[in-house]
Structures are given as structure tokens and as C-alpha cells.
Amino acid sequence: MKWRNLGIVTALLLVLGAYVYYFEIQGEKKKEEAKEKEQKLFPIESKDVTGITLHSPEGEIVLVKVKDAWKLTRPLEAKADQSTADSLASDLASARIERTLEEMNPVWKTYGLDPPSLKLSFKLNNGKSHELELGEKDFSESYAYARVPGQNKVLLVSVSLVNDANKKLFDFRDKTLLEFKRDEVKALQITLKGKTYRLDKSGDNWLIQEPFQGRADRSEIDSISSELEYSKVEQYVDNPEKDLKTYGLSAPDIRLDLFLGENKSRKTLLIGNKVDALYYAKEEARDTIFKIKEDLYKKLNFDPQKIRDKKLFRFDRAEMTNLEVKLKDKKFVFFKGSDSQWKMSEPGGYKGKYITEYRLFWPLEDLEAKEFIEKASLTDAQYGFAQPEAEVRLIDKNKKYIELALGKLEKDQLYVKVLGDSTIYKVDKKVLDDLNFKLNDLIEK
């Protein structure tokens, strides 16, 4: 009997639970959905909006969406700022009626709706269209008064819709200086007041080709590319003069050529006269003239020596198998054993001793140029390479060599040349002390 009663109670609880779920929980959910639907100003999704027209006392702005890209068609034809246009379409789709003022004959002027401060009309991909008029903000400034033409109701909508719709033409214009992606750049050429610098990309590295040859500092070039990619137009010049001399763009202070992709298609930025704290600029292929920040001008108006790679050479320690250091009165020879541990073979008394790897390599890894000397004669006695203070040879697992000679001391600096490199470097003389290894510190304990 007890089991039978327990079964009945369980069944009743299941029925009650099902009732609560379907009629209370699900019913409440449906009520919320119905209320949400009823509060929506327009029954649309943002992806369905294909055109938006804004009417204000300042004029008319027309945005049209073509293949998922927004463009301006009035008062001019130009590419639109995609995020700004998308944000407005999203605001229209998500707009809610926060409150309705029930008045028999509303005095529209009271709410800033006669005339409205802003009129919006927008089209959908199904051919339908909607309109909305926006007026003043309410006392809280969180909402604005609105009206749907043909309806005798005063509506309150979120002020965010007003803020996104009540923008200037400049806000809706695309502000990209040069449209490109950083990883597409294969070469760049910068002409500064008549002098040209050309750099080519090789793998992940940059090489200076003109006016001298050498490695460029990758971080510096990446910084220039990044600045170009993310810099924006600060102002557009309305109705520009046809004569580019007016803006200093017929013979610009700076001409930047980017070469993109495998076919190295070219995009060019011209920068001319300074005006207040900005500079006139234009993309060579477009008629539009605009102004850019001084920061970009300064970034491109660089000192060519500062973009050079300060490292005399670069190597991967893990790829190295042998290191020889020859000083005037001694010689050190090191090798990587079959156990991948570094050992010494000279001086003879230390043969086979294990070496602390980082102490071995850090003098070379940290070696940086303080000054570069181009087009010099490597055989000139003033550099001292005929009788060097030290010679270094690094050999990798593919039997490739890196060789350098440390020449004459001049005050606190030392002349250095690298095999196969026409540049002479001046480095801190400290490297001589660092390469004169203290064996007790070098040998693993």
C-alpha cells in the first residue's frame, strides 16, 4: 500500500512539475518575448538594412549598402566608414519604444518634432522602407522624443539612436589613408626632400637597398607600417584647388611608395605643406586631399641611420657547432659535442671541459654598432684590419661561416668588419674584454 501511495504522489509531482514548466516558466518566457517584440520600434534585423537616408538642417546624407560594404552617395560619392554605418543600422534594428505618451492631439513642437531635428528613412532588402523623426532629449537626457510619420503618438527612444544618427558627414566617411594589409608589403620606398630610401622584405627581415645596402631594424620598419595602417584622415579638404602646389603636393616633402603582394602593385602617399598642427596629404591615385597628424609626418621623416639594424650579424645559437676566437696572444676554440653540450678544445689544458653556453655567446649576441661607416676602404690602415686586435669565426651545422675582424681602437670604440659586408662598424671596446674569456667563469662547475 505504501508503495502504491508513493507512486501516486510521484506521478502527481511529475504532473505538477510539467505544468509549472510549460505553463509558468515557458509561458513567462513567451510573455517576455511577446513584450520584447511589442516594444521593438521596427520588426527588422540589421543585416536586412540596405540603405539609410538622414535629413537634417545641415543637409542630406545617403548611405547605400552594396555587397556588404557601405558607401556614401550623397552629398558626395565616397567609401563610407563601415563601423559607423553598421552601428547605425544595428541601432535602428534594436531600437525599442521605451515609453509612449498618450495624448489626443500632441503639440509636436513641444517635443522638438515640429520640425524634427532629424529625419531618418531606411530601406530593407525586401523592398520595404521605414521612416522615423527624432526630436529633443527628455529631462533625463537618456531618452529622446520620436515619431513615426502617420502615427499620432509621441515615443521615447534611447538617446544612443540619436547620437549614432546625428553625426556629421565626416563621421560617415571612410578615413583610411592607404588601404593595405601590413603582411602584403613586400617593399617600400620613401623619398624625403629629394633623397630616396628603398627597403625590400626578405622573409621576416628588411634590407636597405638605397642609398646604401644593409639590414634594417625590423621593429622600426614594422612600426612605420603599423603607423601607416592605423593612421586616419583628420580632416578632408572641401572643394580642393586643382593646382597641387597650393598644398605642397606637386613636389611633396615626403613621397611614400608601398609595393604590395607578389606582383608588387604600388600605392603612394604624398605629404605636403604643414597647416596648423596638421599636414596636407593625398593618395596619388585619388583626387581627394586631406590632412594628417604630425605624428605620421615625423615617423616617415626618419633618420636613415636610426632604421638600420644595430646588430652586426644575427645567428641562432642552437644552429651553431663551432666557435673560434683568436686574440693577439691567445686562442680559444669551442665545439658542440654529440650530446649537444658545448666543450673546449683550446687551450690544450682545458680540452673537453664543459662550457656554460650563455657565457660563451652573449658577447656576440649583444654586439651592436654605435656608428656605421659606408663606402670605406677595408684595407685602409686607419681601421687596423691588417693586424686586428681579435678575429672571430662562427660555424653552423650547415658549415656556413660568420667571420669578423676587430681592428684598431679609437678612444673607447673599436672598428669591426664582417666577412662579406662592405660596411665598417664602430662598437664599444668592451667586446675585447668580453671575448678574452675568463676560463674559471666559463667552465661549468
Protein backbone atom coordinates (compact mmCIF):
# COMPACT_ATOMS: atom_id res chain seq x y z
CA MET A 1 0.00 0.00 0.00
CA LYS A 2 2.83 2.36 0.90
CA TRP A 3 4.48 1.78 -2.49
CA ARG A 4 1.21 2.46 -4.29
CA ASN A 5 0.70 5.75 -2.44
CA LEU A 6 4.30 6.73 -3.11
CA GLY A 7 3.80 6.07 -6.82
CA ILE A 8 0.68 8.25 -6.88
CA VAL A 9 2.48 11.09 -5.10
CA THR A 10 5.42 10.83 -7.52
CA ALA A 11 3.08 10.94 -10.53
CA LEU A 12 1.28 13.96 -9.12
CA LEU A 13 4.62 15.74 -8.57
CA LEU A 14 5.66 14.99 -12.15
CA VAL A 15 2.38 16.36 -13.48
CA LEU A 16 2.75 19.46 -11.29
CA GLY A 17 6.35 19.96 -12.44
CA ALA A 18 5.31 19.65 -16.08
CA TYR A 19 2.50 22.15 -15.51
CA VAL A 20 4.87 24.63 -13.84
CA TYR A 21 7.42 24.21 -16.64
CA TYR A 22 5.05 24.51 -19.61
CA PHE A 23 2.53 26.99 -18.28
CA GLU A 24 4.56 29.07 -15.84
CA ILE A 25 8.21 29.04 -16.97
CA GLN A 26 7.63 28.62 -20.70
CA GLY A 27 4.54 30.81 -20.52
CA GLU A 28 6.51 33.57 -18.79
CA LYS A 29 9.24 33.24 -21.41
CA LYS A 30 6.70 33.63 -24.22
CA LYS A 31 5.22 36.66 -22.47
CA GLU A 32 8.67 38.24 -22.27
CA GLU A 33 9.30 37.51 -25.95
CA ALA A 34 5.91 38.97 -26.88
CA LYS A 35 6.60 42.08 -24.79
CA GLU A 36 10.05 42.45 -26.37
CA LYS A 37 8.53 42.15 -29.83
CA GLU A 38 5.84 44.69 -28.99
CA GLN A 39 8.47 47.17 -27.73
CA LYS A 40 10.60 46.93 -30.88
CA LEU A 41 10.28 50.09 -32.90
CA PHE A 42 10.76 48.26 -36.21
CA PRO A 43 10.40 44.49 -36.89
CA ILE A 44 13.76 44.20 -38.67
CA GLU A 45 17.27 42.76 -38.41
CA SER A 46 20.33 44.95 -39.00
CA LYS A 47 21.55 42.68 -41.82
CA ASP A 48 18.35 43.49 -43.75
CA VAL A 49 19.07 47.24 -43.93
CA THR A 50 20.39 48.18 -47.40
CA GLY A 51 20.07 51.96 -47.38
CA ILE A 52 19.81 54.83 -44.88
CA THR A 53 18.94 58.48 -45.57
CA LEU A 54 19.46 61.18 -42.95
CA HIS A 55 17.77 64.60 -43.29
CA SER A 56 18.96 67.39 -41.00
CA PRO A 57 19.15 71.20 -41.20
CA GLU A 58 22.73 70.74 -42.46
CA GLY A 59 21.63 68.69 -45.46
CA GLU A 60 21.06 65.14 -46.60
CA ILE A 61 23.35 62.12 -46.16
CA VAL A 62 22.62 58.93 -48.07
CA LEU A 63 24.27 55.59 -47.26
CA VAL A 64 23.86 52.57 -49.53
CA LYS A 65 24.98 49.01 -48.81
CA VAL A 66 26.39 47.10 -51.78
CA LYS A 67 27.65 43.53 -51.28
CA ASP A 68 28.06 44.01 -47.51
CA ALA A 69 30.02 47.25 -47.97
CA TRP A 70 28.62 50.70 -47.18
CA LYS A 71 29.21 53.69 -49.42
CA LEU A 72 28.10 57.32 -49.44
CA THR A 73 26.10 58.54 -52.45
CA ARG A 74 25.08 61.99 -51.13
CA PRO A 75 26.22 64.71 -50.75
CA LEU A 76 29.22 63.03 -52.43
CA GLU A 77 30.21 59.61 -53.65
CA ALA A 78 32.81 58.03 -51.40
CA LYS A 79 33.56 54.95 -49.36
CA ALA A 80 31.75 55.01 -46.02
CA ASP A 81 33.11 54.23 -42.58
CA GLN A 82 31.89 50.66 -42.21
CA SER A 83 31.70 50.52 -38.41
CA THR A 84 29.78 53.83 -38.18
CA ALA A 85 27.24 52.78 -40.81
CA ASP A 86 26.88 49.28 -39.32
CA SER A 87 26.36 50.79 -35.87
CA LEU A 88 23.52 52.98 -37.13
CA ALA A 89 21.85 50.03 -38.89
CA SER A 90 22.20 47.99 -35.69
CA ASP A 91 20.67 50.81 -33.61
CA LEU A 92 17.67 51.01 -35.96
CA ALA A 93 17.13 47.24 -35.76
CA SER A 94 17.42 47.13 -31.97
CA ALA A 95 15.54 50.39 -31.25
CA ARG A 96 12.86 49.99 -28.57
CA ILE A 97 9.88 52.07 -27.62
CA GLU A 98 10.82 52.86 -24.04
CA ARG A 99 7.58 54.70 -23.39
CA THR A 100 4.58 56.10 -25.27
CA LEU A 101 2.96 59.41 -24.32
CA GLU A 102 -0.79 59.08 -24.80
CA GLU A 103 -2.08 62.46 -25.97
CA MET A 104 -5.12 63.12 -28.14
CA ASN A 105 -3.52 65.99 -30.07
CA PRO A 106 0.18 66.20 -29.29
CA VAL A 107 1.81 69.60 -29.64
CA TRP A 108 4.76 68.31 -31.69
CA LYS A 109 6.75 71.49 -31.29
CA THR A 110 6.93 70.87 -27.54
CA TYR A 111 8.94 67.72 -28.21
CA GLY A 112 11.15 69.20 -30.90
CA LEU A 113 9.25 67.33 -33.58
CA ASP A 114 7.78 70.26 -35.50
CA PRO A 115 10.02 70.44 -37.33
CA PRO A 116 12.05 67.39 -36.26
CA SER A 117 15.75 67.88 -35.66
CA LEU A 118 16.48 64.77 -37.71
CA LYS A 119 14.58 62.57 -40.13
CA LEU A 120 15.61 59.03 -40.95
CA SER A 121 14.38 56.77 -43.70
CA PHE A 122 15.81 53.38 -44.48
CA LYS A 123 15.27 50.59 -46.96
CA LEU A 124 15.30 46.83 -46.48
CA ASN A 125 16.42 44.04 -48.78
CA ASN A 126 12.76 43.00 -49.25
CA GLY A 127 11.94 46.37 -50.81
CA LYS A 128 10.08 47.76 -47.79
CA SER A 129 11.03 51.06 -46.18
CA HIS A 130 10.50 52.80 -42.83
CA GLU A 131 10.72 56.36 -41.55
CA LEU A 132 11.42 57.95 -38.19
CA GLU A 133 11.57 61.53 -36.92
CA LEU A 134 13.70 62.48 -33.91
CA GLY A 135 13.26 65.47 -31.63
CA GLU A 136 14.67 66.77 -28.36
CA LYS A 137 16.01 64.79 -25.41
CA ASP A 138 13.80 64.38 -22.36
CA PHE A 139 14.70 65.81 -18.92
CA SER A 140 16.88 62.78 -18.06
CA GLU A 141 18.83 63.10 -21.32
CA SER A 142 18.74 59.28 -21.50
CA TYR A 143 15.87 59.27 -23.98
CA ALA A 144 14.73 61.32 -26.95
CA TYR A 145 11.27 62.07 -28.33
CA ALA A 146 10.42 60.43 -31.62
CA ARG A 147 7.56 59.99 -34.06
CA VAL A 148 6.77 57.51 -36.81
CA PRO A 149 5.17 59.56 -39.62
CA GLY A 150 1.45 58.77 -39.88
CA GLN A 151 1.13 57.82 -36.22
CA ASN A 152 -0.34 60.21 -33.67
CA LYS A 153 1.96 59.05 -30.84
CA VAL A 154 4.90 60.63 -29.03
CA LEU A 155 7.50 57.93 -28.48
CA LEU A 156 10.53 57.84 -26.22
CA VAL A 157 13.59 56.04 -27.62
CA SER A 158 17.15 55.56 -26.36
CA VAL A 159 19.39 58.57 -26.85
CA SER A 160 22.05 56.25 -28.36
CA LEU A 161 19.98 56.10 -31.55
CA VAL A 162 20.04 59.91 -31.74
CA ASN A 163 23.78 60.02 -31.07
CA ASP A 164 24.57 57.50 -33.83
CA ALA A 165 22.22 59.14 -36.33
CA ASN A 166 23.09 62.77 -35.58
CA LYS A 167 26.65 62.60 -36.93
CA LYS A 168 28.48 64.85 -39.37
CA LEU A 169 29.34 63.85 -42.92
CA PHE A 170 32.97 63.42 -41.83
CA ASP A 171 31.92 60.78 -39.29
CA PHE A 172 30.31 58.68 -42.02
CA ARG A 173 33.30 58.93 -44.40
CA ASP A 174 35.99 56.28 -44.54
CA LYS A 175 39.18 57.75 -43.08
CA THR A 176 41.73 55.22 -44.34
CA LEU A 177 44.91 56.83 -45.67
CA LEU A 178 46.11 53.90 -47.76
CA GLU A 179 44.13 50.68 -47.96
CA PHE A 180 46.54 47.78 -47.44
CA LYS A 181 47.41 44.98 -45.04
CA ARG A 182 50.78 45.01 -43.34
CA ASP A 183 51.68 41.45 -44.31
CA GLU A 184 51.14 42.34 -48.00
CA VAL A 185 54.01 44.86 -48.03
CA LYS A 186 56.99 43.45 -49.96
CA ALA A 187 58.94 46.68 -50.42
CA LEU A 188 58.70 50.35 -49.55
CA GLN A 189 60.34 53.45 -50.89
CA ILE A 190 60.44 56.78 -49.10
CA THR A 191 61.63 59.97 -50.80
CA LEU A 192 62.46 62.70 -48.30
CA LYS A 193 63.05 66.11 -49.86
CA GLY A 194 64.57 64.57 -52.97
CA LYS A 195 66.57 61.76 -51.33
CA THR A 196 65.27 58.21 -51.83
CA TYR A 197 65.45 55.25 -49.46
CA ARG A 198 64.33 51.83 -50.66
CA LEU A 199 63.78 48.77 -48.49
CA ASP A 200 62.92 45.22 -49.58
CA LYS A 201 61.45 42.49 -47.43
CA SER A 202 63.25 39.14 -47.31
CA GLY A 203 61.34 36.57 -45.27
CA ASP A 204 60.72 38.27 -41.93
CA ASN A 205 63.63 40.70 -42.36
CA TRP A 206 64.03 44.06 -44.10
CA LEU A 207 67.02 45.01 -46.23
CA ILE A 208 68.03 48.58 -47.11
CA GLN A 209 68.81 48.74 -50.84
CA GLU A 210 69.19 52.51 -51.36
CA PRO A 211 71.11 54.77 -50.78
CA PHE A 212 73.32 52.11 -49.16
CA GLN A 213 72.93 48.41 -48.52
CA GLY A 214 72.43 46.92 -45.09
CA ARG A 215 69.94 45.27 -42.79
CA ALA A 216 67.12 47.39 -41.45
CA ASP A 217 65.81 47.23 -37.90
CA ARG A 218 62.72 45.07 -38.33
CA SER A 219 60.93 46.60 -35.35
CA GLU A 220 61.44 50.12 -36.76
CA ILE A 221 60.04 49.18 -40.19
CA ASP A 222 57.14 47.28 -38.62
CA SER A 223 56.43 50.39 -36.56
CA ILE A 224 56.30 52.54 -39.72
CA SER A 225 53.99 50.00 -41.43
CA SER A 226 51.77 49.86 -38.36
CA GLU A 227 51.55 53.65 -38.15
CA LEU A 228 50.53 53.79 -41.82
CA GLU A 229 47.96 51.02 -41.48
CA TYR A 230 46.20 52.54 -38.49
CA SER A 231 46.60 56.29 -39.11
CA LYS A 232 43.40 58.04 -40.13
CA VAL A 233 42.40 61.14 -42.05
CA GLU A 234 41.98 64.02 -39.58
CA GLN A 235 40.16 66.38 -41.96
CA TYR A 236 39.04 66.39 -45.59
CA VAL A 237 39.62 69.45 -47.78
CA ASP A 238 36.29 70.51 -49.30
CA ASN A 239 36.34 71.65 -52.94
CA PRO A 240 40.15 71.46 -53.23
CA GLU A 241 42.12 73.55 -55.69
CA LYS A 242 43.22 71.67 -58.82
CA ASP A 243 46.74 73.05 -58.55
CA LEU A 244 48.53 70.78 -56.08
CA LYS A 245 51.16 73.47 -55.47
CA THR A 246 48.60 75.11 -53.16
CA TYR A 247 49.09 72.23 -50.75
CA GLY A 248 52.76 71.49 -51.41
CA LEU A 249 51.79 68.22 -53.10
CA SER A 250 53.21 68.82 -56.58
CA ALA A 251 56.71 68.44 -55.12
CA PRO A 252 55.90 66.84 -51.75
CA ASP A 253 58.18 66.83 -48.72
CA ILE A 254 57.55 63.09 -48.41
CA ARG A 255 56.58 60.54 -51.03
CA LEU A 256 55.88 57.03 -49.78
CA ASP A 257 55.51 54.10 -52.19
CA LEU A 258 54.28 50.75 -50.88
CA PHE A 259 54.73 47.68 -53.09
CA LEU A 260 52.14 45.03 -52.26
CA GLY A 261 51.83 41.31 -52.94
CA GLU A 262 53.77 39.11 -55.32
CA ASN A 263 53.05 41.41 -58.28
CA LYS A 264 54.23 44.39 -56.18
CA SER A 265 51.31 46.65 -57.05
CA ARG A 266 52.03 50.20 -55.91
CA LYS A 267 50.16 52.53 -53.55
CA THR A 268 51.54 56.02 -53.00
CA LEU A 269 51.02 58.60 -50.26
CA LEU A 270 52.11 62.22 -50.79
CA ILE A 271 52.65 64.60 -47.86
CA GLY A 272 52.98 68.34 -48.42
CA ASN A 273 52.73 71.60 -46.50
CA LYS A 274 52.06 71.98 -42.81
CA VAL A 275 48.84 73.72 -41.81
CA ASP A 276 48.44 74.44 -38.09
CA ALA A 277 49.38 71.14 -36.41
CA LEU A 278 48.45 69.01 -39.45
CA TYR A 279 49.88 68.25 -42.91
CA TYR A 280 48.20 68.18 -46.30
CA ALA A 281 48.30 64.74 -47.91
CA LYS A 282 46.71 62.66 -50.64
CA GLU A 283 46.84 59.21 -52.16
CA GLU A 284 48.38 59.68 -55.59
CA ALA A 285 45.65 57.65 -57.36
CA ARG A 286 42.79 59.73 -55.88
CA ASP A 287 41.77 63.37 -56.25
CA THR A 288 40.81 63.70 -52.59
CA ILE A 289 43.03 65.92 -50.44
CA PHE A 290 43.04 65.52 -46.69
CA LYS A 291 45.01 66.39 -43.57
CA ILE A 292 47.01 64.03 -41.38
CA LYS A 293 48.58 64.21 -37.92
CA GLU A 294 52.10 65.50 -37.42
CA ASP A 295 52.98 62.18 -35.74
CA LEU A 296 52.86 60.34 -39.06
CA TYR A 297 54.94 63.03 -40.78
CA LYS A 298 57.61 62.68 -38.08
CA LYS A 299 57.51 58.88 -38.32
CA LEU A 300 58.19 58.96 -42.06
CA ASN A 301 60.71 61.82 -41.86
CA PHE A 302 63.21 59.46 -40.28
CA ASP A 303 66.96 59.44 -39.81
CA PRO A 304 68.13 56.58 -42.11
CA GLN A 305 70.80 55.56 -39.62
CA LYS A 306 68.17 55.00 -36.95
CA ILE A 307 66.28 52.42 -39.02
CA ARG A 308 69.42 50.33 -39.50
CA ASP A 309 69.74 47.07 -37.64
CA LYS A 310 72.29 47.80 -34.92
CA LYS A 311 73.28 44.12 -34.72
CA LEU A 312 76.41 43.42 -36.76
CA PHE A 313 75.03 39.98 -37.58
CA ARG A 314 72.29 37.67 -36.39
CA PHE A 315 72.53 33.99 -35.68
CA ASP A 316 70.61 31.20 -34.00
CA ARG A 317 72.68 29.82 -31.13
CA ALA A 318 71.00 26.41 -31.49
CA GLU A 319 72.30 26.12 -35.09
CA MET A 320 75.95 26.77 -34.18
CA THR A 321 78.50 23.96 -33.88
CA ASN A 322 81.89 25.72 -33.59
CA LEU A 323 83.29 28.99 -32.29
CA GLU A 324 86.87 30.25 -32.62
CA VAL A 325 88.21 33.42 -31.00
CA LYS A 326 91.77 34.49 -31.84
CA LEU A 327 93.38 37.27 -29.82
CA LYS A 328 96.89 38.64 -30.29
CA ASP A 329 98.36 36.43 -27.55
CA LYS A 330 95.91 33.51 -27.25
CA LYS A 331 93.26 31.46 -28.99
CA PHE A 332 90.01 29.88 -27.80
CA VAL A 333 88.27 27.05 -29.69
CA PHE A 334 84.88 25.65 -28.70
CA PHE A 335 82.65 22.96 -30.23
CA LYS A 336 79.25 21.40 -29.66
CA GLY A 337 79.54 17.73 -28.75
CA SER A 338 77.29 14.85 -29.84
CA ASP A 339 75.46 15.32 -26.54
CA SER A 340 74.60 18.92 -27.67
CA GLN A 341 76.78 20.31 -24.88
CA TRP A 342 79.49 22.91 -25.60
CA LYS A 343 83.07 21.97 -24.82
CA MET A 344 86.53 23.47 -25.21
CA SER A 345 89.35 22.14 -27.42
CA GLU A 346 91.83 25.03 -26.96
CA PRO A 347 93.76 25.98 -24.85
CA GLY A 348 95.02 22.41 -24.63
CA GLY A 349 94.97 22.18 -20.85
CA TYR A 350 91.17 22.60 -20.90
CA LYS A 351 90.36 20.19 -23.70
CA GLY A 352 86.95 18.50 -23.27
CA LYS A 353 85.85 20.79 -20.46
CA TYR A 354 82.14 21.62 -20.49
CA ILE A 355 81.30 25.29 -21.11
CA THR A 356 78.45 27.45 -19.82
CA GLU A 357 76.71 28.19 -23.13
CA TYR A 358 75.20 31.61 -22.43
CA ARG A 359 78.55 32.99 -21.18
CA LEU A 360 80.10 31.85 -24.45
CA PHE A 361 77.67 33.59 -26.75
CA TRP A 362 76.39 36.70 -25.01
CA PRO A 363 79.38 38.91 -26.07
CA LEU A 364 78.42 38.26 -29.72
CA GLU A 365 74.66 38.29 -29.26
CA ASP A 366 74.86 41.68 -27.52
CA LEU A 367 77.28 43.22 -30.03
CA GLU A 368 75.73 46.37 -31.54
CA ALA A 369 77.06 49.14 -33.76
CA LYS A 370 77.43 52.63 -32.33
CA GLU A 371 78.22 54.05 -35.76
CA PHE A 372 78.20 52.91 -39.42
CA ILE A 373 80.87 53.83 -41.99
CA GLU A 374 79.84 53.33 -45.61
CA LYS A 375 81.92 53.14 -48.78
CA ALA A 376 85.18 52.99 -46.86
CA SER A 377 88.26 51.05 -47.95
CA LEU A 378 88.55 47.94 -45.80
CA THR A 379 92.29 47.92 -46.46
CA ASP A 380 92.80 51.45 -45.16
CA ALA A 381 95.41 51.34 -42.37
CA GLN A 382 93.36 53.66 -40.14
CA TYR A 383 90.94 50.79 -39.45
CA GLY A 384 93.62 48.29 -38.45
CA PHE A 385 92.24 45.18 -40.12
CA ALA A 386 95.68 44.09 -41.38
CA GLN A 387 96.69 43.41 -37.76
CA PRO A 388 93.39 43.00 -35.92
CA GLU A 389 93.01 43.00 -32.16
CA ALA A 390 90.85 39.89 -32.46
CA GLU A 391 89.25 37.56 -35.04
CA VAL A 392 86.07 35.53 -34.54
CA ARG A 393 84.66 32.66 -36.57
CA LEU A 394 81.25 31.07 -36.02
CA ILE A 395 80.32 27.88 -37.90
CA ASP A 396 76.81 26.42 -38.11
CA LYS A 397 75.65 22.85 -38.73
CA ASN A 398 75.50 23.54 -42.50
CA LYS A 399 79.17 24.62 -42.46
CA LYS A 400 78.26 28.26 -43.09
CA TYR A 401 80.63 30.82 -41.63
CA ILE A 402 80.27 34.15 -39.87
CA GLU A 403 83.65 35.84 -39.60
CA LEU A 404 84.57 39.19 -38.14
CA ALA A 405 87.74 41.13 -37.53
CA LEU A 406 88.11 43.60 -34.66
CA GLY A 407 90.53 46.30 -35.85
CA LYS A 408 92.07 49.40 -34.35
CA LEU A 409 90.97 51.01 -31.10
CA GLU A 410 89.95 54.66 -31.28
CA LYS A 411 89.27 56.11 -27.85
CA ASP A 412 86.53 53.93 -26.35
CA GLN A 413 85.42 52.36 -29.65
CA LEU A 414 86.69 49.69 -31.98
CA TYR A 415 86.46 49.26 -35.76
CA VAL A 416 84.85 45.97 -36.84
CA LYS A 417 84.24 44.36 -40.22
CA VAL A 418 82.12 41.30 -41.02
CA LEU A 419 83.09 38.97 -43.86
CA GLY A 420 81.01 39.70 -46.97
CA ASP A 421 79.79 43.06 -45.65
CA SER A 422 81.16 46.33 -47.07
CA THR A 423 80.13 48.35 -44.01
CA ILE A 424 82.60 49.17 -41.25
CA TYR A 425 81.11 49.27 -37.77
CA LYS A 426 82.24 51.08 -34.65
CA VAL A 427 81.46 49.20 -31.45
CA ASP A 428 82.16 49.56 -27.75
CA LYS A 429 85.69 48.40 -26.94
CA LYS A 430 84.24 46.34 -24.08
CA VAL A 431 83.75 43.46 -26.53
CA LEU A 432 87.52 42.85 -26.47
CA ASP A 433 87.41 42.22 -22.71
CA ASP A 434 84.30 40.05 -23.09
CA LEU A 435 85.99 37.85 -25.73
CA ASN A 436 89.11 37.45 -23.58
CA PHE A 437 87.29 34.72 -21.70
CA LYS A 438 87.99 34.10 -18.03
CA LEU A 439 88.10 30.33 -18.13
CA ASN A 440 87.21 29.81 -14.49
CA ASP A 441 83.96 31.69 -15.10
CA LEU A 442 83.32 29.92 -18.41
CA ILE A 443 83.82 26.29 -17.37
CA GLU A 444 80.84 24.58 -15.81
CA LYS A 445 81.38 23.72 -12.21
